[in-house]
């Protein structure tokens, strides 16, 4: 089954779409009922990753988004290859960072990529986000790690990518609600020698509630987690520091935005927190 129905011209998007290895692990196709139904509230400061042994970790990065604007000491509101945009398509309110579909002055939908590049970068550790996903055609939310020191050949870990606009029934339901997300990695960047892999997880409607998405990055292994449960792991060595990215892009398996897509803050990629730890 093809994972993507539409390519885009963004360098990062194209790189992320050219899969050379696809691994669909039957053991990782777990339903939402497989996971705990307890409330996914914000954890107190300085705890460890969700359902991990806190004594093994030291907190190195944290944003609970408790203010009224993006903390520019931690985040950039665009990636290096994009020009700054004045389009009001993100904000911080009610204890969350929200990124939503909104056309610019020309009526076009442009990606909004928020990163910690040059502010926070780390090699190895555990990275975690709690978020609720948007719905609708075109929307392509993601949480990932990237190194941009010397392209090409930048390592990349995609912790969560979802495609609510998918019309095949694989990534989304008939109401364009995301019901599955993907996880992937590129040891030395796409189209470069090295290991690459991708898997997906069926979850049920990811726009209905907040969930925790995490990755444990060790010197010889990458392990992905959903609500604290291990979903997939791979033996791979990735040694270069990476920074954190949160974004709403458009296209891929979600196709183009259309008249049925809810616009504005009411249909946000809504992020309660982002945290990172190093191993003690």
C-alpha atoms as a PDB file:
ATOM      1  CA  UNK A   1       0.000   0.000   0.000  1.00  0.00           C
ATOM      2  CA  UNK A   2       1.501   3.363  -0.886  1.00  0.00           C
ATOM      3  CA  UNK A   3       2.167   5.590   2.088  1.00  0.00           C
ATOM      4  CA  UNK A   4       2.062   8.877   0.236  1.00  0.00           C
ATOM      5  CA  UNK A   5      -0.191  10.127  -2.510  1.00  0.00           C
ATOM      6  CA  UNK A   6       1.349  13.513  -3.172  1.00  0.00           C
ATOM      7  CA  UNK A   7       4.908  14.823  -3.148  1.00  0.00           C
ATOM      8  CA  UNK A   8       5.876  18.371  -2.251  1.00  0.00           C
ATOM      9  CA  UNK A   9       8.826  20.561  -3.135  1.00  0.00           C
ATOM     10  CA  UNK A  10      10.152  21.268   0.376  1.00  0.00           C
ATOM     11  CA  UNK A  11      13.653  19.753   0.792  1.00  0.00           C
ATOM     12  CA  UNK A  12      12.776  18.168   4.126  1.00  0.00           C
ATOM     13  CA  UNK A  13       9.428  16.915   2.868  1.00  0.00           C
ATOM     14  CA  UNK A  14      10.951  15.266  -0.179  1.00  0.00           C
ATOM     15  CA  UNK A  15      13.632  13.676   1.927  1.00  0.00           C
ATOM     16  CA  UNK A  16      11.041  12.304   4.307  1.00  0.00           C
ATOM     17  CA  UNK A  17       8.929  10.909   1.478  1.00  0.00           C
ATOM     18  CA  UNK A  18      11.612   8.875  -0.270  1.00  0.00           C
ATOM     19  CA  UNK A  19      11.493   5.707   1.722  1.00  0.00           C
ATOM     20  CA  UNK A  20      13.963   2.998   0.819  1.00  0.00           C
ATOM     21  CA  UNK A  21      12.924   0.595   3.555  1.00  0.00           C
ATOM     22  CA  UNK A  22       9.417   0.137   4.942  1.00  0.00           C
ATOM     23  CA  UNK A  23       8.852  -2.137   7.908  1.00  0.00           C
ATOM     24  CA  UNK A  24       5.266  -2.746   8.947  1.00  0.00           C
ATOM     25  CA  UNK A  25       5.453  -4.698  12.176  1.00  0.00           C
ATOM     26  CA  UNK A  26       2.322  -6.660  12.919  1.00  0.00           C
ATOM     27  CA  UNK A  27       3.179  -6.585  16.608  1.00  0.00           C
ATOM     28  CA  UNK A  28       2.983  -2.799  16.565  1.00  0.00           C
ATOM     29  CA  UNK A  29      -0.503  -2.597  15.084  1.00  0.00           C
ATOM     30  CA  UNK A  30      -2.136  -2.108  18.446  1.00  0.00           C
ATOM     31  CA  UNK A  31      -5.558  -0.591  19.049  1.00  0.00           C
ATOM     32  CA  UNK A  32      -6.299   2.269  21.385  1.00  0.00           C
ATOM     33  CA  UNK A  33      -7.899  -0.187  23.807  1.00  0.00           C
ATOM     34  CA  UNK A  34      -4.456  -1.727  24.322  1.00  0.00           C
ATOM     35  CA  UNK A  35      -3.324   1.367  26.179  1.00  0.00           C
ATOM     36  CA  UNK A  36      -4.127   2.799  29.593  1.00  0.00           C
ATOM     37  CA  UNK A  37      -7.297   4.880  29.804  1.00  0.00           C
ATOM     38  CA  UNK A  38      -6.034   6.939  32.749  1.00  0.00           C
ATOM     39  CA  UNK A  39      -6.015  10.718  32.371  1.00  0.00           C
ATOM     40  CA  UNK A  40      -2.955  11.982  30.508  1.00  0.00           C
ATOM     41  CA  UNK A  41      -2.427  15.079  32.614  1.00  0.00           C
ATOM     42  CA  UNK A  42       0.781  17.073  32.783  1.00  0.00           C
ATOM     43  CA  UNK A  43       3.353  15.430  35.021  1.00  0.00           C
ATOM     44  CA  UNK A  44       5.122  17.377  37.781  1.00  0.00           C
ATOM     45  CA  UNK A  45       8.440  18.953  36.873  1.00  0.00           C
ATOM     46  CA  UNK A  46      11.613  16.870  36.972  1.00  0.00           C
ATOM     47  CA  UNK A  47       9.893  13.511  36.653  1.00  0.00           C
ATOM     48  CA  UNK A  48      11.157  10.943  34.207  1.00  0.00           C
ATOM     49  CA  UNK A  49       9.571   9.956  30.900  1.00  0.00           C
ATOM     50  CA  UNK A  50       6.064   8.545  31.130  1.00  0.00           C
ATOM     51  CA  UNK A  51       6.098   4.972  32.515  1.00  0.00           C
ATOM     52  CA  UNK A  52       9.921   4.920  32.583  1.00  0.00           C
ATOM     53  CA  UNK A  53      12.193   4.636  35.629  1.00  0.00           C
ATOM     54  CA  UNK A  54      12.798   8.286  36.556  1.00  0.00           C
ATOM     55  CA  UNK A  55      16.015   7.429  38.392  1.00  0.00           C
ATOM     56  CA  UNK A  56      17.668   6.617  35.052  1.00  0.00           C
ATOM     57  CA  UNK A  57      17.074  10.050  33.521  1.00  0.00           C
ATOM     58  CA  UNK A  58      18.044  13.697  33.999  1.00  0.00           C
ATOM     59  CA  UNK A  59      15.737  16.371  32.571  1.00  0.00           C
ATOM     60  CA  UNK A  60      17.537  18.544  29.982  1.00  0.00           C
ATOM     61  CA  UNK A  61      14.700  20.340  28.170  1.00  0.00           C
ATOM     62  CA  UNK A  62      11.153  21.226  29.126  1.00  0.00           C
ATOM     63  CA  UNK A  63       8.405  23.489  27.848  1.00  0.00           C
ATOM     64  CA  UNK A  64       4.952  23.247  29.405  1.00  0.00           C
ATOM     65  CA  UNK A  65       3.640  26.152  27.289  1.00  0.00           C
ATOM     66  CA  UNK A  66       2.171  27.882  30.318  1.00  0.00           C
ATOM     67  CA  UNK A  67       2.728  31.416  29.009  1.00  0.00           C
ATOM     68  CA  UNK A  68       0.937  33.465  26.374  1.00  0.00           C
ATOM     69  CA  UNK A  69       3.570  33.360  23.616  1.00  0.00           C
ATOM     70  CA  UNK A  70       6.258  31.099  22.198  1.00  0.00           C
ATOM     71  CA  UNK A  71       9.440  31.141  24.292  1.00  0.00           C
ATOM     72  CA  UNK A  72      12.023  32.341  21.776  1.00  0.00           C
ATOM     73  CA  UNK A  73      14.873  31.340  24.099  1.00  0.00           C
ATOM     74  CA  UNK A  74      13.837  27.741  23.383  1.00  0.00           C
ATOM     75  CA  UNK A  75      12.167  27.826  19.980  1.00  0.00           C
ATOM     76  CA  UNK A  76      12.474  29.268  16.467  1.00  0.00           C
ATOM     77  CA  UNK A  77       9.199  29.770  14.609  1.00  0.00           C
ATOM     78  CA  UNK A  78      10.592  28.647  11.244  1.00  0.00           C
ATOM     79  CA  UNK A  79      13.178  26.196   9.956  1.00  0.00           C
ATOM     80  CA  UNK A  80      16.408  27.416   8.382  1.00  0.00           C
ATOM     81  CA  UNK A  81      15.315  27.091   4.750  1.00  0.00           C
ATOM     82  CA  UNK A  82      12.007  28.965   5.263  1.00  0.00           C
ATOM     83  CA  UNK A  83      11.637  32.737   5.444  1.00  0.00           C
ATOM     84  CA  UNK A  84       9.894  34.093   8.557  1.00  0.00           C
ATOM     85  CA  UNK A  85       6.123  34.229   8.090  1.00  0.00           C
ATOM     86  CA  UNK A  86       3.671  36.673   9.641  1.00  0.00           C
ATOM     87  CA  UNK A  87       0.688  34.376   9.044  1.00  0.00           C
ATOM     88  CA  UNK A  88      -1.173  33.837  12.316  1.00  0.00           C
ATOM     89  CA  UNK A  89      -1.165  30.043  12.252  1.00  0.00           C
ATOM     90  CA  UNK A  90       0.205  29.249  15.706  1.00  0.00           C
ATOM     91  CA  UNK A  91       0.021  30.511  19.265  1.00  0.00           C
ATOM     92  CA  UNK A  92       0.382  29.615  22.938  1.00  0.00           C
ATOM     93  CA  UNK A  93      -2.745  29.648  25.117  1.00  0.00           C
ATOM     94  CA  UNK A  94      -4.508  27.578  27.768  1.00  0.00           C
ATOM     95  CA  UNK A  95      -1.273  25.755  28.609  1.00  0.00           C
ATOM     96  CA  UNK A  96      -0.609  24.500  25.086  1.00  0.00           C
ATOM     97  CA  UNK A  97       1.202  25.312  21.867  1.00  0.00           C
ATOM     98  CA  UNK A  98      -1.295  25.274  19.023  1.00  0.00           C
ATOM     99  CA  UNK A  99      -0.502  25.085  15.300  1.00  0.00           C
ATOM    100  CA  UNK A 100      -3.469  25.233  12.947  1.00  0.00           C
ATOM    101  CA  UNK A 101      -4.322  25.352   9.242  1.00  0.00           C
ATOM    102  CA  UNK A 102      -4.562  28.958   8.078  1.00  0.00           C
ATOM    103  CA  UNK A 103      -3.985  30.398   4.586  1.00  0.00           C
ATOM    104  CA  UNK A 104      -1.521  33.231   4.117  1.00  0.00           C
ATOM    105  CA  UNK A 105      -2.312  36.581   2.489  1.00  0.00           C
ATOM    106  CA  UNK A 106      -2.229  34.903  -0.938  1.00  0.00           C
ATOM    107  CA  UNK A 107      -4.603  32.140   0.121  1.00  0.00           C
ATOM    108  CA  UNK A 108      -1.863  29.505   0.213  1.00  0.00           C
ATOM    109  CA  UNK A 109      -1.179  27.041   3.018  1.00  0.00           C
ATOM    110  CA  UNK A 110       2.492  27.175   4.015  1.00  0.00           C
ATOM    111  CA  UNK A 111       4.250  24.885   6.451  1.00  0.00           C
ATOM    112  CA  UNK A 112       4.843  26.073   9.989  1.00  0.00           C
ATOM    113  CA  UNK A 113       7.907  24.346  11.470  1.00  0.00           C
ATOM    114  CA  UNK A 114       8.870  25.256  15.039  1.00  0.00           C
ATOM    115  CA  UNK A 115      12.329  24.063  16.119  1.00  0.00           C
ATOM    116  CA  UNK A 116      14.903  24.182  18.923  1.00  0.00           C
ATOM    117  CA  UNK A 117      17.828  24.470  16.457  1.00  0.00           C
ATOM    118  CA  UNK A 118      20.797  26.325  18.030  1.00  0.00           C
ATOM    119  CA  UNK A 119      18.818  26.608  21.287  1.00  0.00           C
ATOM    120  CA  UNK A 120      18.690  22.951  22.295  1.00  0.00           C
ATOM    121  CA  UNK A 121      20.401  19.994  20.642  1.00  0.00           C
ATOM    122  CA  UNK A 122      21.278  16.638  22.173  1.00  0.00           C
ATOM    123  CA  UNK A 123      22.791  13.248  21.397  1.00  0.00           C
ATOM    124  CA  UNK A 124      20.907  10.275  22.880  1.00  0.00           C
ATOM    125  CA  UNK A 125      18.200  10.379  25.520  1.00  0.00           C
ATOM    126  CA  UNK A 126      14.420  10.254  25.719  1.00  0.00           C
ATOM    127  CA  UNK A 127      12.194  12.769  23.907  1.00  0.00           C
ATOM    128  CA  UNK A 128       8.474  13.056  24.668  1.00  0.00           C
ATOM    129  CA  UNK A 129       5.471  15.121  23.597  1.00  0.00           C
ATOM    130  CA  UNK A 130       1.858  15.080  24.760  1.00  0.00           C
ATOM    131  CA  UNK A 131      -0.476  16.229  22.005  1.00  0.00           C
ATOM    132  CA  UNK A 132      -3.875  16.070  20.344  1.00  0.00           C
ATOM    133  CA  UNK A 133      -3.926  16.008  16.543  1.00  0.00           C
ATOM    134  CA  UNK A 134      -5.960  18.051  14.031  1.00  0.00           C
ATOM    135  CA  UNK A 135      -8.436  16.740  11.484  1.00  0.00           C
ATOM    136  CA  UNK A 136      -9.112  17.432   7.830  1.00  0.00           C
ATOM    137  CA  UNK A 137      -7.718  17.263   4.328  1.00  0.00           C
ATOM    138  CA  UNK A 138      -4.204  18.569   3.857  1.00  0.00           C
ATOM    139  CA  UNK A 139      -3.100  18.537   7.498  1.00  0.00           C
ATOM    140  CA  UNK A 140       0.214  16.794   8.195  1.00  0.00           C
ATOM    141  CA  UNK A 141       1.340  17.238  11.838  1.00  0.00           C
ATOM    142  CA  UNK A 142       4.686  15.860  13.007  1.00  0.00           C
ATOM    143  CA  UNK A 143       7.091  15.598  15.961  1.00  0.00           C
ATOM    144  CA  UNK A 144      10.668  14.749  14.984  1.00  0.00           C
ATOM    145  CA  UNK A 145      14.425  15.146  15.524  1.00  0.00           C
ATOM    146  CA  UNK A 146      16.949  16.351  12.938  1.00  0.00           C
ATOM    147  CA  UNK A 147      20.610  17.227  12.491  1.00  0.00           C
ATOM    148  CA  UNK A 148      21.379  19.993   9.971  1.00  0.00           C
ATOM    149  CA  UNK A 149      25.132  20.422  10.505  1.00  0.00           C
ATOM    150  CA  UNK A 150      26.336  19.245   7.110  1.00  0.00           C
ATOM    151  CA  UNK A 151      23.699  18.250   4.557  1.00  0.00           C
ATOM    152  CA  UNK A 152      23.285  15.935   2.821  1.00  0.00           C
ATOM    153  CA  UNK A 153      23.484  13.058   5.227  1.00  0.00           C
ATOM    154  CA  UNK A 154      21.676  14.496   8.238  1.00  0.00           C
ATOM    155  CA  UNK A 155      20.353  11.838  10.628  1.00  0.00           C
ATOM    156  CA  UNK A 156      16.621  12.085  11.361  1.00  0.00           C
ATOM    157  CA  UNK A 157      14.121  10.440  13.696  1.00  0.00           C
ATOM    158  CA  UNK A 158      10.397  10.934  13.014  1.00  0.00           C
ATOM    159  CA  UNK A 159       8.618  10.201  16.291  1.00  0.00           C
ATOM    160  CA  UNK A 160       5.114  10.960  15.021  1.00  0.00           C
ATOM    161  CA  UNK A 161       3.693  11.830  11.593  1.00  0.00           C
ATOM    162  CA  UNK A 162      -0.039  11.706  10.863  1.00  0.00           C
ATOM    163  CA  UNK A 163      -2.156  12.170   7.731  1.00  0.00           C
ATOM    164  CA  UNK A 164      -5.767  13.045   8.666  1.00  0.00           C
ATOM    165  CA  UNK A 165      -6.684  13.854   5.065  1.00  0.00           C
ATOM    166  CA  UNK A 166      -5.930  10.366   3.759  1.00  0.00           C
ATOM    167  CA  UNK A 167      -8.826   9.013   1.688  1.00  0.00           C
ATOM    168  CA  UNK A 168      -7.719   5.385   1.457  1.00  0.00           C
ATOM    169  CA  UNK A 169      -8.917   4.445   4.945  1.00  0.00           C
ATOM    170  CA  UNK A 170      -5.409   3.562   6.101  1.00  0.00           C
ATOM    171  CA  UNK A 171      -4.267   6.722   7.941  1.00  0.00           C
ATOM    172  CA  UNK A 172      -7.670   8.300   8.610  1.00  0.00           C
ATOM    173  CA  UNK A 173     -11.350   7.452   8.925  1.00  0.00           C
ATOM    174  CA  UNK A 174     -14.139   8.691   6.670  1.00  0.00           C
ATOM    175  CA  UNK A 175     -14.461  11.903   8.720  1.00  0.00           C
ATOM    176  CA  UNK A 176     -10.775  12.735   8.073  1.00  0.00           C
ATOM    177  CA  UNK A 177      -9.792  11.997  11.654  1.00  0.00           C
ATOM    178  CA  UNK A 178      -6.318  10.458  12.091  1.00  0.00           C
ATOM    179  CA  UNK A 179      -6.473   6.851  13.297  1.00  0.00           C
ATOM    180  CA  UNK A 180      -2.878   5.795  12.630  1.00  0.00           C
ATOM    181  CA  UNK A 181       0.548   7.452  12.716  1.00  0.00           C
ATOM    182  CA  UNK A 182       4.010   6.607  11.455  1.00  0.00           C
ATOM    183  CA  UNK A 183       7.457   6.408  13.049  1.00  0.00           C
ATOM    184  CA  UNK A 184      10.687   6.355  11.066  1.00  0.00           C
ATOM    185  CA  UNK A 185      14.437   6.968  11.083  1.00  0.00           C
ATOM    186  CA  UNK A 186      17.254   7.772   8.660  1.00  0.00           C
ATOM    187  CA  UNK A 187      20.723   6.901   9.889  1.00  0.00           C
ATOM    188  CA  UNK A 188      22.543   9.234   7.500  1.00  0.00           C
ATOM    189  CA  UNK A 189      19.681  10.984   5.739  1.00  0.00           C
ATOM    190  CA  UNK A 190      17.522   9.846   2.842  1.00  0.00           C
ATOM    191  CA  UNK A 191      19.262   8.554  -0.282  1.00  0.00           C
ATOM    192  CA  UNK A 192      22.510   8.161   1.655  1.00  0.00           C
ATOM    193  CA  UNK A 193      24.260   4.926   2.645  1.00  0.00           C
ATOM    194  CA  UNK A 194      22.917   3.696   5.952  1.00  0.00           C
ATOM    195  CA  UNK A 195      19.912   2.178   7.656  1.00  0.00           C
ATOM    196  CA  UNK A 196      16.413   3.561   7.188  1.00  0.00           C
ATOM    197  CA  UNK A 197      13.136   2.242   8.502  1.00  0.00           C
ATOM    198  CA  UNK A 198       9.472   3.035   8.979  1.00  0.00           C
ATOM    199  CA  UNK A 199       6.551   1.481  10.828  1.00  0.00           C
ATOM    200  CA  UNK A 200       2.983   2.539  11.610  1.00  0.00           C
ATOM    201  CA  UNK A 201       0.619   2.147  14.546  1.00  0.00           C
ATOM    202  CA  UNK A 202      -3.169   1.919  14.504  1.00  0.00           C
ATOM    203  CA  UNK A 203      -4.537   3.830  17.508  1.00  0.00           C
ATOM    204  CA  UNK A 204      -8.094   4.981  16.926  1.00  0.00           C
ATOM    205  CA  UNK A 205      -8.985   8.682  16.680  1.00  0.00           C
ATOM    206  CA  UNK A 206      -5.925  10.735  17.651  1.00  0.00           C
ATOM    207  CA  UNK A 207      -7.908  13.984  17.496  1.00  0.00           C
ATOM    208  CA  UNK A 208     -10.266  12.925  20.278  1.00  0.00           C
ATOM    209  CA  UNK A 209      -7.816  13.097  23.203  1.00  0.00           C
ATOM    210  CA  UNK A 210      -4.244  13.868  24.195  1.00  0.00           C
ATOM    211  CA  UNK A 211      -1.631  11.126  23.858  1.00  0.00           C
ATOM    212  CA  UNK A 212       2.050  10.838  24.654  1.00  0.00           C
ATOM    213  CA  UNK A 213       4.531  10.174  21.842  1.00  0.00           C
ATOM    214  CA  UNK A 214       8.095   9.291  22.769  1.00  0.00           C
ATOM    215  CA  UNK A 215      11.392   7.907  21.548  1.00  0.00           C
ATOM    216  CA  UNK A 216      14.315   6.457  23.500  1.00  0.00           C
ATOM    217  CA  UNK A 217      17.492   7.045  21.503  1.00  0.00           C
ATOM    218  CA  UNK A 218      20.411   4.927  22.670  1.00  0.00           C
ATOM    219  CA  UNK A 219      23.882   4.469  21.135  1.00  0.00           C
ATOM    220  CA  UNK A 220      22.830   1.281  19.338  1.00  0.00           C
ATOM    221  CA  UNK A 221      19.016   1.318  19.395  1.00  0.00           C
ATOM    222  CA  UNK A 222      15.950   3.484  18.801  1.00  0.00           C
ATOM    223  CA  UNK A 223      12.707   2.601  20.617  1.00  0.00           C
ATOM    224  CA  UNK A 224       9.342   4.276  19.968  1.00  0.00           C
ATOM    225  CA  UNK A 225       6.589   4.643  22.595  1.00  0.00           C
ATOM    226  CA  UNK A 226       2.891   5.522  22.555  1.00  0.00           C
ATOM    227  CA  UNK A 227       1.301   6.409  25.911  1.00  0.00           C
ATOM    228  CA  UNK A 228       4.285   4.782  27.603  1.00  0.00           C
ATOM    229  CA  UNK A 229       3.973   1.478  25.714  1.00  0.00           C
ATOM    230  CA  UNK A 230       6.795   0.241  23.490  1.00  0.00           C
ATOM    231  CA  UNK A 231       5.512   0.026  19.918  1.00  0.00           C
ATOM    232  CA  UNK A 232       8.628  -0.525  17.796  1.00  0.00           C
ATOM    233  CA  UNK A 233      12.412  -0.667  18.116  1.00  0.00           C
ATOM    234  CA  UNK A 234      15.327  -0.952  15.723  1.00  0.00           C
ATOM    235  CA  UNK A 235      19.024  -1.656  16.026  1.00  0.00           C
ATOM    236  CA  UNK A 236      20.759   1.371  14.537  1.00  0.00           C
ATOM    237  CA  UNK A 237      23.651   3.664  15.490  1.00  0.00           C
ATOM    238  CA  UNK A 238      23.126   7.423  15.184  1.00  0.00           C
ATOM    239  CA  UNK A 239      25.830   9.538  16.842  1.00  0.00           C
ATOM    240  CA  UNK A 240      25.198  13.148  15.781  1.00  0.00           C
ATOM    241  CA  UNK A 241      23.284  15.627  17.936  1.00  0.00           C
ATOM    242  CA  UNK A 242      19.735  16.503  16.927  1.00  0.00           C
ATOM    243  CA  UNK A 243      17.219  19.229  17.684  1.00  0.00           C
ATOM    244  CA  UNK A 244      13.445  19.035  18.154  1.00  0.00           C
ATOM    245  CA  UNK A 245      10.856  19.980  15.525  1.00  0.00           C
ATOM    246  CA  UNK A 246       7.081  20.443  15.809  1.00  0.00           C
ATOM    247  CA  UNK A 247       5.209  21.259  12.649  1.00  0.00           C
ATOM    248  CA  UNK A 248       2.107  21.453  10.556  1.00  0.00           C
ATOM    249  CA  UNK A 249       2.894  20.783   6.933  1.00  0.00           C
ATOM    250  CA  UNK A 250       0.445  20.128   4.104  1.00  0.00           C
ATOM    251  CA  UNK A 251       0.115  17.447   1.482  1.00  0.00           C
ATOM    252  CA  UNK A 252       1.683  13.994   1.494  1.00  0.00           C
ATOM    253  CA  UNK A 253      -0.979  11.328   2.128  1.00  0.00           C
ATOM    254  CA  UNK A 254      -3.287  14.048   3.468  1.00  0.00           C
ATOM    255  CA  UNK A 255      -3.588  15.584   0.013  1.00  0.00           C
ATOM    256  CA  UNK A 256      -4.414  19.279  -0.396  1.00  0.00           C
ATOM    257  CA  UNK A 257      -6.451  21.395   1.994  1.00  0.00           C
ATOM    258  CA  UNK A 258     -10.036  21.720   0.742  1.00  0.00           C
ATOM    259  CA  UNK A 259     -13.283  23.414   1.746  1.00  0.00           C
ATOM    260  CA  UNK A 260     -14.074  20.683   4.293  1.00  0.00           C
ATOM    261  CA  UNK A 261     -10.937  21.339   6.393  1.00  0.00           C
ATOM    262  CA  UNK A 262     -11.696  23.263   9.608  1.00  0.00           C
ATOM    263  CA  UNK A 263      -9.479  26.351   9.815  1.00  0.00           C
ATOM    264  CA  UNK A 264      -8.193  28.335  12.768  1.00  0.00           C
ATOM    265  CA  UNK A 265      -7.243  27.538  16.386  1.00  0.00           C
ATOM    266  CA  UNK A 266     -10.249  25.285  16.870  1.00  0.00           C
ATOM    267  CA  UNK A 267      -8.549  22.652  14.716  1.00  0.00           C
ATOM    268  CA  UNK A 268      -5.042  22.701  16.146  1.00  0.00           C
ATOM    269  CA  UNK A 269      -2.106  20.381  16.455  1.00  0.00           C
ATOM    270  CA  UNK A 270      -2.289  21.035  20.206  1.00  0.00           C
ATOM    271  CA  UNK A 271       0.823  20.286  22.275  1.00  0.00           C
ATOM    272  CA  UNK A 272       0.602  20.213  26.081  1.00  0.00           C
ATOM    273  CA  UNK A 273       4.330  19.804  26.630  1.00  0.00           C
ATOM    274  CA  UNK A 274       7.649  18.786  25.133  1.00  0.00           C
ATOM    275  CA  UNK A 275      10.384  17.303  27.359  1.00  0.00           C
ATOM    276  CA  UNK A 276      13.793  15.713  26.871  1.00  0.00           C
ATOM    277  CA  UNK A 277      16.080  13.769  29.177  1.00  0.00           C
ATOM    278  CA  UNK A 278      19.585  12.389  29.064  1.00  0.00           C
ATOM    279  CA  UNK A 279      20.626   9.075  30.538  1.00  0.00           C
ATOM    280  CA  UNK A 280      22.303   9.295  33.920  1.00  0.00           C
END
